[in-house]
Amino acid sequence: MVQRAFTRCLLFQKTSSLSLPPHPSLFCWMRSVLILSAGYGESHNAAARGLKEGFDLLGEMQADVRDLFAPAFGKLYQRSKVNYQNMVSSTPNLWASISSALDLFPFTGKLISLLRPLKREMIQALKEHRPSAVVSVHPVYGHLMEAAAREAGQSGLRSYVVVTDSISVSSLWYKCKADAFLVPNDDTAAVLRAARVREEQLFVSGFPVSTKYAAQGEARPEPGGSVLPRVLYMVKGQPSRAVALVERLLRETAVELTVTVDSDEALKKTLEELAARMQRPLTVLGWVSQMPQLLRRNHLLIGPAEGALVQEALAAKTPMLLTQICPGREEGNARLLIQNGCGAHCPTNEALSKSVTQLFERNAYGWNQMHRHASTLSRPDAAITTARWIAQRVKDGTSSPEARFGLRFNKD
């Protein structure tokens, strides 16, 4: 859409008798939106990518995604991302304690306002892009946005915060000024409402997964009869447990099993050799670039309670068995699945194997129950409807919540 608009601008410039400067912004009327993300965990970047896809597909606003932590802090930022992942993986309870302390500390927001390098990059980005709106998918940006916009000469710039966490939401997300807070589900909306976020600022938008989840694809046959249950196991750490679980599933369950191991070539080789010895079919994949197709093909997902993964499973209407839950950071994701009947926590391999068997016995009665509940929460078009909603609000130049385009107001 942007390319077509630019081409029309060039054609106009060549054919018009007016003598005008050759800058495309003088010809093109397309508004822009700046999406601000960060690399601390996958949920932020997944939401940013999904939103950009939504805006690009809509074609009414040009969307740019920026991670301003990188130019602001350079190598320190790169090291901090590695340290963050190591802490979350190796000492999750320590990270949960730090996160809770930051949430309870009354001056955390004021401390964030002192991040001058990040604020400087925000001012520069606003001057460079001159956006009609900014969407923050990481909580820190919201605390700097008002001052950065003012110093960039854009006071009154529309600012939206897309909350990527579910239920266990840090107050950093909503203790800042914004035109609206967009949350992934009703359960999370209830948390923000209890924290006294104003109703007119609170919208259930769904998590903006890739627009590919909204595209029509091949129908997934229901398990049962001649259709073997298809199970996808995504290994995230704990390779020794993964080998033992795969052996158990191949031995004790009648399923079509696919395992993803990311870049762990040694684990991939071990699992393939295991399946060959057991003379059982097994598909082992490395890095996966087509998650929507993979999740929509399989009937069940086994994996950790990571935010983006949980939301993608819901978008695909695929029930989930949780192998691990990181304290604090992932507890809300687990609660979302469990209390809505879309999944279960299986801390041991024995519990996982039993759960898989029980879900698909009696003509897959248990799976059908979970699938129905997951379908209730599923919002595969969230990126598109959110982009349309924001674009309409910018176009109207109003903060009125009336034009919500499929977004749901929260009701008591």
Protein backbone atom coordinates (compact mmCIF):
# COMPACT_ATOMS: atom_id res chain seq x y z
CA MET A 1 0.00 0.00 0.00
CA VAL A 2 2.81 2.37 0.92
CA GLN A 3 4.66 1.54 -2.30
CA ARG A 4 1.52 2.09 -4.38
CA ALA A 5 0.88 5.44 -2.70
CA PHE A 6 4.49 6.49 -3.32
CA THR A 7 4.18 5.49 -6.99
CA ARG A 8 1.03 7.58 -7.35
CA CYS A 9 2.91 10.50 -5.83
CA LEU A 10 5.72 10.18 -8.38
CA LEU A 11 3.25 9.97 -11.26
CA PHE A 12 1.52 13.08 -9.98
CA GLN A 13 4.84 14.88 -9.76
CA LYS A 14 5.72 13.98 -13.38
CA THR A 15 2.34 14.89 -14.87
CA SER A 16 1.36 17.94 -12.85
CA SER A 17 2.08 21.40 -14.20
CA LEU A 18 2.70 22.59 -10.65
CA SER A 19 6.29 23.11 -9.60
CA LEU A 20 6.53 21.32 -6.24
CA PRO A 21 9.42 19.95 -4.22
CA PRO A 22 10.08 16.25 -4.90
CA HIS A 23 9.59 15.11 -1.29
CA PRO A 24 7.01 12.30 -1.15
CA SER A 25 5.52 13.45 2.17
CA LEU A 26 4.09 16.52 0.38
CA PHE A 27 2.14 14.24 -1.94
CA CYS A 28 1.23 11.29 0.27
CA TRP A 29 -1.41 11.67 2.93
CA MET A 30 -0.78 8.36 4.72
CA ARG A 31 -0.44 8.75 8.48
CA SER A 32 2.18 6.79 10.41
CA VAL A 33 2.38 4.90 13.67
CA LEU A 34 5.53 4.16 15.65
CA ILE A 35 5.59 0.84 17.51
CA LEU A 36 8.13 0.72 20.35
CA SER A 37 9.40 -2.66 21.55
CA ALA A 38 12.29 -4.23 23.49
CA GLY A 39 14.10 -7.55 23.50
CA TYR A 40 13.46 -8.60 27.10
CA GLY A 41 11.43 -11.74 26.41
CA GLU A 42 9.71 -12.73 23.18
CA SER A 43 6.22 -11.40 23.94
CA HIS A 44 7.10 -7.76 23.28
CA ASN A 45 8.65 -8.38 19.87
CA ALA A 46 5.94 -10.86 18.90
CA ALA A 47 3.27 -8.26 19.63
CA ALA A 48 5.21 -5.59 17.73
CA ARG A 49 5.57 -7.82 14.66
CA GLY A 50 1.91 -8.76 14.77
CA LEU A 51 0.80 -5.14 15.02
CA LYS A 52 2.98 -4.13 12.09
CA GLU A 53 1.47 -6.93 10.02
CA GLY A 54 -1.97 -5.66 11.00
CA PHE A 55 -1.23 -2.07 9.99
CA ASP A 56 0.44 -3.20 6.75
CA LEU A 57 -2.53 -5.36 5.85
CA LEU A 58 -4.96 -2.56 6.68
CA GLY A 59 -3.00 -0.12 4.51
CA GLU A 60 -4.22 3.07 6.20
CA MET A 61 -1.15 3.90 8.29
CA GLN A 62 2.54 3.27 7.73
CA ALA A 63 3.90 1.31 10.68
CA ASP A 64 7.51 1.26 11.87
CA VAL A 65 8.86 -0.91 14.68
CA ARG A 66 11.78 0.38 16.73
CA ASP A 67 13.71 -1.03 19.69
CA LEU A 68 15.19 2.15 21.14
CA PHE A 69 17.00 0.36 23.95
CA ALA A 70 19.61 -0.76 21.41
CA PRO A 71 20.84 2.71 20.31
CA ALA A 72 20.33 4.09 23.82
CA PHE A 73 22.47 1.56 25.70
CA GLY A 74 24.48 -0.31 23.04
CA LYS A 75 26.56 -3.21 24.33
CA LEU A 76 25.16 -2.79 27.84
CA TYR A 77 21.72 -3.54 26.45
CA GLN A 78 22.94 -6.65 24.63
CA ARG A 79 24.57 -7.95 27.82
CA SER A 80 21.49 -7.14 29.88
CA LYS A 81 19.28 -9.20 27.53
CA VAL A 82 21.57 -12.21 27.94
CA ASN A 83 21.68 -11.73 31.73
CA TYR A 84 17.89 -11.42 31.82
CA GLN A 85 17.38 -14.68 29.93
CA ASN A 86 19.95 -16.46 32.09
CA MET A 87 18.31 -15.23 35.27
CA VAL A 88 14.83 -16.22 34.11
CA SER A 89 16.06 -19.68 33.06
CA SER A 90 18.51 -20.46 35.87
CA THR A 91 17.16 -18.54 38.88
CA PRO A 92 13.49 -17.82 38.16
CA ASN A 93 12.65 -17.26 41.83
CA LEU A 94 15.29 -14.52 42.04
CA TRP A 95 13.79 -12.78 39.01
CA ALA A 96 10.31 -13.10 40.49
CA SER A 97 11.54 -11.42 43.70
CA ILE A 98 13.18 -8.58 41.77
CA SER A 99 10.06 -8.10 39.65
CA SER A 100 7.83 -8.01 42.72
CA ALA A 101 10.12 -5.50 44.45
CA LEU A 102 10.06 -3.19 41.43
CA ASP A 103 6.30 -3.46 41.33
CA LEU A 104 5.93 -2.52 45.00
CA PHE A 105 8.56 0.22 45.08
CA PRO A 106 6.62 3.51 44.92
CA PHE A 107 9.25 5.45 42.99
CA THR A 108 9.96 3.00 40.16
CA GLY A 109 8.15 5.20 37.63
CA LYS A 110 10.20 8.22 38.68
CA LEU A 111 13.42 6.23 38.40
CA ILE A 112 12.47 5.22 34.85
CA SER A 113 12.01 8.89 33.98
CA LEU A 114 15.74 9.32 34.66
CA LEU A 115 16.71 7.01 31.78
CA ARG A 116 18.06 9.91 29.76
CA PRO A 117 19.67 7.87 26.95
CA LEU A 118 16.36 6.15 26.21
CA LYS A 119 14.43 9.40 26.39
CA ARG A 120 16.96 11.00 24.01
CA GLU A 121 16.40 8.21 21.47
CA MET A 122 12.64 8.55 21.83
CA ILE A 123 12.83 12.29 21.10
CA GLN A 124 15.00 11.61 18.06
CA ALA A 125 12.64 8.90 16.79
CA LEU A 126 9.61 11.18 17.19
CA LYS A 127 11.34 13.98 15.30
CA GLU A 128 12.41 11.58 12.56
CA HIS A 129 9.11 9.75 12.07
CA ARG A 130 6.61 12.48 13.05
CA PRO A 131 4.05 9.76 13.86
CA SER A 132 0.34 10.31 14.30
CA ALA A 133 0.38 7.81 17.16
CA VAL A 134 2.80 5.75 19.24
CA VAL A 135 2.08 2.21 20.42
CA SER A 136 4.24 0.89 23.28
CA VAL A 137 4.51 -2.88 23.71
CA HIS A 138 7.04 -2.55 26.53
CA PRO A 139 6.05 -0.80 29.79
CA VAL A 140 9.07 1.49 30.17
CA TYR A 141 8.24 3.66 27.15
CA GLY A 142 4.94 4.81 28.61
CA HIS A 143 6.67 6.53 31.52
CA LEU A 144 8.83 8.61 29.18
CA MET A 145 6.38 9.29 26.37
CA GLU A 146 4.75 12.51 27.58
CA ALA A 147 8.07 14.29 28.24
CA ALA A 148 9.66 12.96 25.04
CA ALA A 149 6.71 14.07 22.92
CA ARG A 150 6.75 17.52 24.49
CA GLU A 151 10.47 17.97 23.84
CA ALA A 152 10.03 16.69 20.28
CA GLY A 153 7.43 19.39 19.67
CA GLN A 154 4.53 16.90 19.56
CA SER A 155 2.58 17.61 22.72
CA GLY A 156 -0.72 15.80 22.65
CA LEU A 157 0.65 12.92 20.57
CA ARG A 158 -1.65 9.91 20.83
CA SER A 159 -0.10 7.19 22.96
CA TYR A 160 -1.37 3.63 23.36
CA VAL A 161 -0.02 0.87 25.60
CA VAL A 162 -0.48 -2.74 24.47
CA VAL A 163 -0.13 -4.95 27.56
CA THR A 164 1.49 -8.25 26.61
CA ASP A 165 1.15 -9.94 30.02
CA SER A 166 -1.90 -11.82 31.27
CA ILE A 167 -3.34 -11.55 34.81
CA SER A 168 0.01 -11.20 36.65
CA VAL A 169 0.53 -7.69 35.30
CA SER A 170 3.21 -5.37 36.67
CA SER A 171 1.92 -1.94 37.65
CA LEU A 172 4.59 -0.46 35.36
CA TRP A 173 2.22 -1.23 32.50
CA TYR A 174 -0.56 1.06 33.65
CA LYS A 175 0.98 3.61 36.04
CA CYS A 176 1.76 5.94 33.18
CA LYS A 177 -0.19 8.36 31.02
CA ALA A 178 -1.77 6.92 27.86
CA ASP A 179 -4.84 7.42 25.73
CA ALA A 180 -5.76 3.77 26.19
CA PHE A 181 -4.49 0.49 27.62
CA LEU A 182 -5.15 -2.49 25.35
CA VAL A 183 -5.16 -5.84 27.13
CA PRO A 184 -5.20 -9.40 25.76
CA ASN A 185 -8.22 -10.80 27.60
CA ASP A 186 -11.06 -10.11 30.03
CA ASP A 187 -9.16 -11.64 32.96
CA THR A 188 -6.38 -9.09 32.54
CA ALA A 189 -8.90 -6.28 32.13
CA ALA A 190 -10.32 -7.20 35.53
CA VAL A 191 -6.85 -6.82 37.07
CA LEU A 192 -6.40 -3.32 35.62
CA ARG A 193 -9.91 -2.33 36.61
CA ALA A 194 -9.19 -3.41 40.18
CA ALA A 195 -6.08 -1.20 40.03
CA ARG A 196 -8.41 1.74 39.21
CA VAL A 197 -7.59 2.17 35.55
CA ARG A 198 -10.47 4.22 34.17
CA GLU A 199 -13.06 2.24 32.25
CA GLU A 200 -12.91 4.54 29.23
CA GLN A 201 -9.18 3.84 28.91
CA LEU A 202 -9.49 0.08 29.13
CA PHE A 203 -10.10 -2.18 26.10
CA VAL A 204 -9.85 -5.89 25.45
CA SER A 205 -8.04 -6.04 22.13
CA GLY A 206 -6.64 -9.55 22.21
CA PHE A 207 -2.94 -10.29 21.86
CA PRO A 208 -1.75 -9.14 18.39
CA VAL A 209 -0.43 -12.42 17.05
CA SER A 210 0.66 -12.74 13.44
CA THR A 211 -2.10 -12.05 10.94
CA LYS A 212 -1.37 -15.50 9.49
CA TYR A 213 -3.50 -16.94 12.29
CA ALA A 214 -6.50 -15.10 10.84
CA ALA A 215 -5.92 -16.39 7.31
CA GLN A 216 -8.11 -19.23 6.16
CA GLY A 217 -6.17 -22.49 6.06
CA GLU A 218 -6.70 -26.20 5.75
CA ALA A 219 -9.24 -27.42 8.29
CA ARG A 220 -7.77 -29.50 11.13
CA PRO A 221 -9.58 -32.86 11.31
CA GLU A 222 -10.90 -33.80 14.72
CA PRO A 223 -8.90 -36.56 16.44
CA GLY A 224 -10.48 -39.99 16.62
CA GLY A 225 -11.25 -42.90 14.36
CA SER A 226 -8.67 -43.02 11.61
CA VAL A 227 -7.21 -39.63 12.61
CA LEU A 228 -4.31 -40.00 15.03
CA PRO A 229 -4.01 -37.17 17.58
CA ARG A 230 -1.27 -34.77 16.51
CA VAL A 231 0.90 -33.56 19.37
CA LEU A 232 3.50 -30.79 19.14
CA TYR A 233 6.17 -30.71 21.85
CA MET A 234 8.28 -27.54 21.97
CA VAL A 235 11.44 -28.14 23.98
CA LYS A 236 12.69 -25.11 25.93
CA GLY A 237 15.69 -26.15 28.00
CA GLN A 238 15.83 -29.32 30.14
CA PRO A 239 17.13 -31.59 27.32
CA SER A 240 17.42 -34.67 29.56
CA ARG A 241 13.77 -34.34 30.54
CA ALA A 242 12.87 -33.88 26.87
CA VAL A 243 14.54 -37.17 25.87
CA ALA A 244 12.79 -39.04 28.69
CA LEU A 245 9.42 -37.50 27.81
CA VAL A 246 9.68 -38.28 24.11
CA GLU A 247 10.61 -41.89 24.92
CA ARG A 248 7.62 -42.15 27.23
CA LEU A 249 5.18 -40.61 24.74
CA LEU A 250 6.39 -42.91 21.95
CA ARG A 251 6.05 -45.93 24.22
CA GLU A 252 2.79 -45.14 26.06
CA THR A 253 0.62 -43.07 23.69
CA ALA A 254 -0.79 -43.50 20.20
CA VAL A 255 -0.10 -40.04 18.77
CA GLU A 256 1.61 -38.42 15.80
CA LEU A 257 4.43 -36.63 17.60
CA THR A 258 6.40 -33.60 16.38
CA VAL A 259 9.22 -32.09 18.47
CA THR A 260 10.96 -28.74 18.00
CA VAL A 261 14.44 -28.26 19.51
CA ASP A 262 15.44 -24.80 18.21
CA SER A 263 19.20 -24.83 17.49
CA ASP A 264 20.10 -27.87 19.65
CA GLU A 265 21.51 -30.18 16.96
CA ALA A 266 22.79 -32.66 19.54
CA LEU A 267 19.30 -33.09 21.00
CA LYS A 268 17.84 -33.43 17.51
CA LYS A 269 20.24 -36.26 16.70
CA THR A 270 19.56 -37.98 20.03
CA LEU A 271 15.79 -37.92 19.52
CA GLU A 272 16.02 -39.17 15.93
CA GLU A 273 18.25 -42.06 17.06
CA LEU A 274 15.83 -42.83 19.89
CA ALA A 275 12.86 -43.04 17.51
CA ALA A 276 14.86 -45.27 15.14
CA ARG A 277 15.72 -47.69 17.98
CA MET A 278 12.09 -47.80 19.10
CA GLN A 279 10.92 -48.11 15.48
CA ARG A 280 8.37 -45.37 16.04
CA PRO A 281 7.65 -42.40 13.73
CA LEU A 282 8.85 -39.04 15.00
CA THR A 283 9.34 -35.65 13.36
CA VAL A 284 12.10 -33.49 14.87
CA LEU A 285 12.41 -29.85 13.75
CA GLY A 286 15.00 -27.18 14.48
CA TRP A 287 14.11 -23.50 14.19
CA VAL A 288 10.50 -23.07 13.14
CA SER A 289 9.47 -20.15 10.92
CA GLN A 290 5.90 -21.26 10.25
CA MET A 291 4.39 -21.42 13.73
CA PRO A 292 0.81 -20.57 12.62
CA GLN A 293 0.71 -23.53 10.24
CA LEU A 294 2.33 -25.85 12.78
CA LEU A 295 0.03 -24.91 15.65
CA ARG A 296 -3.10 -25.04 13.54
CA ARG A 297 -2.15 -28.48 12.22
CA ASN A 298 -1.58 -30.08 15.63
CA HIS A 299 -4.30 -30.88 18.14
CA LEU A 300 -2.24 -30.35 21.29
CA LEU A 301 0.78 -28.27 22.31
CA ILE A 302 3.21 -29.28 25.05
CA GLY A 303 5.56 -26.51 26.20
CA PRO A 304 6.37 -23.78 28.74
CA ALA A 305 3.98 -21.03 29.82
CA GLU A 306 5.74 -18.35 27.77
CA GLY A 307 3.50 -15.39 26.98
CA ALA A 308 3.77 -15.33 23.18
CA LEU A 309 3.55 -19.13 22.93
CA VAL A 310 0.40 -19.28 25.07
CA GLN A 311 -1.25 -16.52 23.03
CA GLU A 312 -0.35 -18.19 19.74
CA ALA A 313 -1.78 -21.49 20.97
CA LEU A 314 -5.04 -19.73 21.85
CA ALA A 315 -5.12 -18.00 18.46
CA ALA A 316 -4.79 -21.42 16.83
CA LYS A 317 -7.46 -22.86 19.20
CA THR A 318 -4.92 -25.46 20.31
CA PRO A 319 -5.12 -26.70 23.94
CA MET A 320 -1.87 -26.73 25.87
CA LEU A 321 -0.12 -28.85 28.50
CA LEU A 322 2.45 -26.82 30.42
CA THR A 323 5.84 -28.36 31.15
CA GLN A 324 7.16 -25.48 33.26
CA ILE A 325 6.01 -22.16 34.70
CA CYS A 326 8.51 -19.41 35.48
CA PRO A 327 7.55 -17.84 38.84
CA GLY A 328 6.02 -14.39 38.49
CA ARG A 329 6.63 -13.87 34.79
CA GLU A 330 4.60 -16.83 33.49
CA GLU A 331 2.20 -17.53 36.35
CA GLY A 332 -0.48 -15.31 34.82
CA ASN A 333 -0.25 -17.13 31.48
CA ALA A 334 -0.69 -20.46 33.26
CA ARG A 335 -3.67 -19.14 35.23
CA LEU A 336 -5.27 -17.88 32.02
CA LEU A 337 -5.17 -21.37 30.50
CA ILE A 338 -6.06 -23.35 33.60
CA GLN A 339 -8.90 -21.23 34.99
CA ASN A 340 -10.49 -21.01 31.54
CA GLY A 341 -10.21 -24.74 30.90
CA CYS A 342 -7.82 -24.42 27.95
CA GLY A 343 -4.88 -26.30 29.42
CA ALA A 344 -3.24 -27.97 32.40
CA HIS A 345 0.07 -27.92 34.26
CA CYS A 346 1.96 -31.22 34.15
CA PRO A 347 5.17 -30.84 36.21
CA THR A 348 6.33 -34.43 35.63
CA ASN A 349 6.70 -36.63 32.57
CA GLU A 350 4.33 -39.16 34.14
CA ALA A 351 1.65 -36.47 34.49
CA LEU A 352 2.18 -35.37 30.89
CA SER A 353 1.86 -38.87 29.47
CA LYS A 354 -1.27 -39.57 31.50
CA SER A 355 -2.83 -36.25 30.47
CA VAL A 356 -2.18 -36.90 26.78
CA THR A 357 -3.82 -40.34 27.06
CA GLN A 358 -6.83 -39.00 28.99
CA LEU A 359 -7.42 -36.09 26.61
CA PHE A 360 -7.77 -38.37 23.59
CA GLU A 361 -9.61 -41.33 25.12
CA ARG A 362 -13.41 -41.74 24.85
CA ASN A 363 -13.42 -40.28 21.35
CA ALA A 364 -11.24 -37.34 22.48
CA TYR A 365 -13.84 -36.10 24.97
CA GLY A 366 -11.31 -34.22 27.13
CA TRP A 367 -9.64 -32.62 24.12
CA ASN A 368 -12.98 -31.46 22.72
CA GLN A 369 -13.76 -29.76 26.03
CA MET A 370 -10.42 -27.92 26.07
CA HIS A 371 -10.70 -27.04 22.38
CA ARG A 372 -14.11 -25.49 22.92
CA HIS A 373 -12.81 -23.36 25.78
CA ALA A 374 -9.73 -22.30 23.79
CA SER A 375 -12.00 -21.27 20.91
CA THR A 376 -13.87 -18.95 23.28
CA LEU A 377 -10.66 -17.06 24.11
CA SER A 378 -9.23 -17.18 20.59
CA ARG A 379 -8.77 -13.86 18.77
CA PRO A 380 -6.65 -14.67 15.71
CA ASP A 381 -7.53 -11.34 14.06
CA ALA A 382 -6.48 -9.19 17.03
CA ALA A 383 -3.62 -7.49 15.14
CA ILE A 384 -5.94 -6.41 12.33
CA THR A 385 -8.81 -5.20 14.52
CA THR A 386 -6.40 -3.34 16.82
CA ALA A 387 -4.72 -1.62 13.88
CA ARG A 388 -8.11 -0.65 12.45
CA TRP A 389 -9.28 0.69 15.81
CA ILE A 390 -6.18 2.83 16.33
CA ALA A 391 -6.27 4.08 12.73
CA GLN A 392 -9.91 5.15 13.11
CA ARG A 393 -9.24 7.01 16.34
CA VAL A 394 -6.34 8.86 14.73
CA LYS A 395 -8.42 9.64 11.66
CA ASP A 396 -11.33 10.97 13.71
CA GLY A 397 -9.03 12.98 15.95
CA THR A 398 -11.10 12.03 18.96
CA SER A 399 -10.65 10.03 22.13
CA SER A 400 -14.23 8.79 21.94
CA PRO A 401 -14.36 5.03 22.54
CA GLU A 402 -17.34 4.54 20.24
CA ALA A 403 -15.50 3.25 17.13
CA ARG A 404 -14.01 0.11 18.59
CA PHE A 405 -14.12 -2.24 15.56
CA GLY A 406 -14.46 -5.59 17.24
CA LEU A 407 -12.63 -4.66 20.42
CA ARG A 408 -14.67 -5.47 23.47
CA PHE A 409 -15.44 -3.09 26.28
CA ASN A 410 -15.05 -4.63 29.70
CA LYS A 411 -18.19 -4.99 31.73
CA ASP A 412 -18.65 -5.67 35.39
